[in-house]
C-alpha cells in the first residue's frame, strides 16, 4: 500500500492485476468502426461493459473481449461448432 502512495501522481498505477481500460477510439480501431458508433452501442446495449464517469467512457479490455465473443452471430456459431443436423446424423 505504501508503495502505491509513494508513486509520483503523474505516474499511472500499474500492476499485474490492474485492468487495462480502452478508450472508445481504441475500441473503434479494434472493431473497424467509428468511436461515435462505439459510444452509441454502449448507450443502446446495457450488456456492453462500459465504465462511465461524467463524459469519460472507458472499456475494461478483458470484459470487453468476453462480451464481444458472446456477440458472435448464431450463423457463425453453427459453422464453427457444427450444426445440430450434423450432430444428430453422426449419432
Protein backbone atom coordinates (compact mmCIF):
# COMPACT_ATOMS: atom_id res chain seq x y z
CA UNK A 1 0.00 0.00 0.00
CA UNK A 2 2.76 2.45 0.93
CA UNK A 3 4.35 1.62 -2.44
CA UNK A 4 1.27 2.93 -4.23
CA UNK A 5 1.17 6.07 -2.12
CA UNK A 6 4.83 6.85 -2.75
CA UNK A 7 4.47 6.92 -6.54
CA UNK A 8 4.50 10.31 -8.20
CA UNK A 9 0.97 11.48 -9.08
CA UNK A 10 1.89 11.75 -12.77
CA UNK A 11 2.86 8.05 -12.96
CA UNK A 12 -0.01 5.71 -13.84
CA UNK A 13 -0.56 2.91 -11.34
CA UNK A 14 0.37 -0.41 -12.94
CA UNK A 15 0.47 -3.91 -11.61
CA UNK A 16 -0.21 -7.40 -12.90
CA UNK A 17 -3.78 -7.27 -11.61
CA UNK A 18 -4.57 -3.75 -12.85
CA UNK A 19 -7.13 -3.99 -15.68
CA UNK A 20 -6.40 -2.28 -18.97
CA UNK A 21 -9.00 0.31 -19.90
CA UNK A 22 -9.56 1.24 -23.53
CA UNK A 23 -10.92 4.49 -24.91
CA UNK A 24 -13.83 4.49 -27.36
CA UNK A 25 -11.32 5.34 -30.13
CA UNK A 26 -9.18 2.29 -29.26
CA UNK A 27 -12.25 0.02 -29.23
CA UNK A 28 -13.33 1.53 -32.55
CA UNK A 29 -9.92 0.73 -34.02
CA UNK A 30 -10.20 -2.89 -32.90
CA UNK A 31 -13.66 -3.26 -34.44
CA UNK A 32 -13.20 -1.15 -37.57
CA UNK A 33 -15.97 1.31 -36.73
CA UNK A 34 -16.02 4.93 -35.56
CA UNK A 35 -15.71 6.00 -31.93
CA UNK A 36 -19.18 7.52 -32.26
CA UNK A 37 -20.56 4.07 -33.14
CA UNK A 38 -18.87 2.51 -30.10
CA UNK A 39 -20.36 5.20 -27.84
CA UNK A 40 -23.81 4.67 -29.38
CA UNK A 41 -23.55 0.90 -28.84
CA UNK A 42 -22.55 1.44 -25.21
CA UNK A 43 -25.64 3.58 -24.64
CA UNK A 44 -28.07 1.33 -26.52
CA UNK A 45 -26.83 -2.05 -25.22
CA UNK A 46 -26.74 -2.26 -21.43
CA UNK A 47 -24.84 -5.57 -21.65
CA UNK A 48 -21.80 -3.84 -23.22
CA UNK A 49 -19.25 -3.40 -20.39
CA UNK A 50 -18.64 0.33 -20.23
CA UNK A 51 -17.31 2.40 -17.33
CA UNK A 52 -18.71 5.95 -17.24
CA UNK A 53 -17.78 8.91 -15.10
CA UNK A 54 -19.31 12.09 -16.39
CA UNK A 55 -18.30 12.40 -20.05
CA UNK A 56 -15.44 9.90 -19.68
CA UNK A 57 -16.14 6.42 -21.08
CA UNK A 58 -13.72 3.50 -20.80
CA UNK A 59 -13.93 -0.20 -21.56
CA UNK A 60 -12.10 -2.81 -19.48
CA UNK A 61 -10.28 -4.90 -22.08
CA UNK A 62 -10.90 -8.37 -20.65
CA UNK A 63 -14.62 -7.84 -20.07
CA UNK A 64 -15.00 -6.22 -23.50
CA UNK A 65 -13.32 -9.16 -25.26
CA UNK A 66 -15.57 -11.60 -23.37
CA UNK A 67 -18.62 -9.53 -24.34
CA UNK A 68 -17.51 -9.48 -27.97
CA UNK A 69 -17.16 -13.26 -28.04
CA UNK A 70 -20.77 -13.55 -26.87
CA UNK A 71 -21.90 -11.26 -29.72
CA UNK A 72 -20.86 -13.78 -32.38
CA UNK A 73 -23.75 -14.27 -34.82
CA UNK A 74 -25.66 -17.55 -34.49
CA UNK A 75 -24.89 -18.48 -38.10
CA UNK A 76 -21.15 -18.19 -37.40
CA UNK A 77 -21.56 -20.38 -34.31
CA UNK A 78 -23.16 -23.11 -36.44
CA UNK A 79 -20.28 -23.08 -38.90
CA UNK A 80 -17.71 -23.08 -36.10
CA UNK A 81 -19.37 -25.66 -33.86
CA UNK A 82 -21.24 -27.75 -36.44
CA UNK A 83 -24.96 -27.71 -36.98
CA UNK A 84 -27.44 -29.66 -34.92
CA UNK A 85 -28.41 -31.68 -38.01
CA UNK A 86 -24.77 -32.81 -38.42
CA UNK A 87 -24.57 -33.78 -34.74
CA UNK A 88 -27.79 -35.83 -34.89
CA UNK A 89 -26.81 -37.69 -38.10
CA UNK A 90 -23.38 -38.53 -36.61
CA UNK A 91 -25.01 -40.29 -33.65
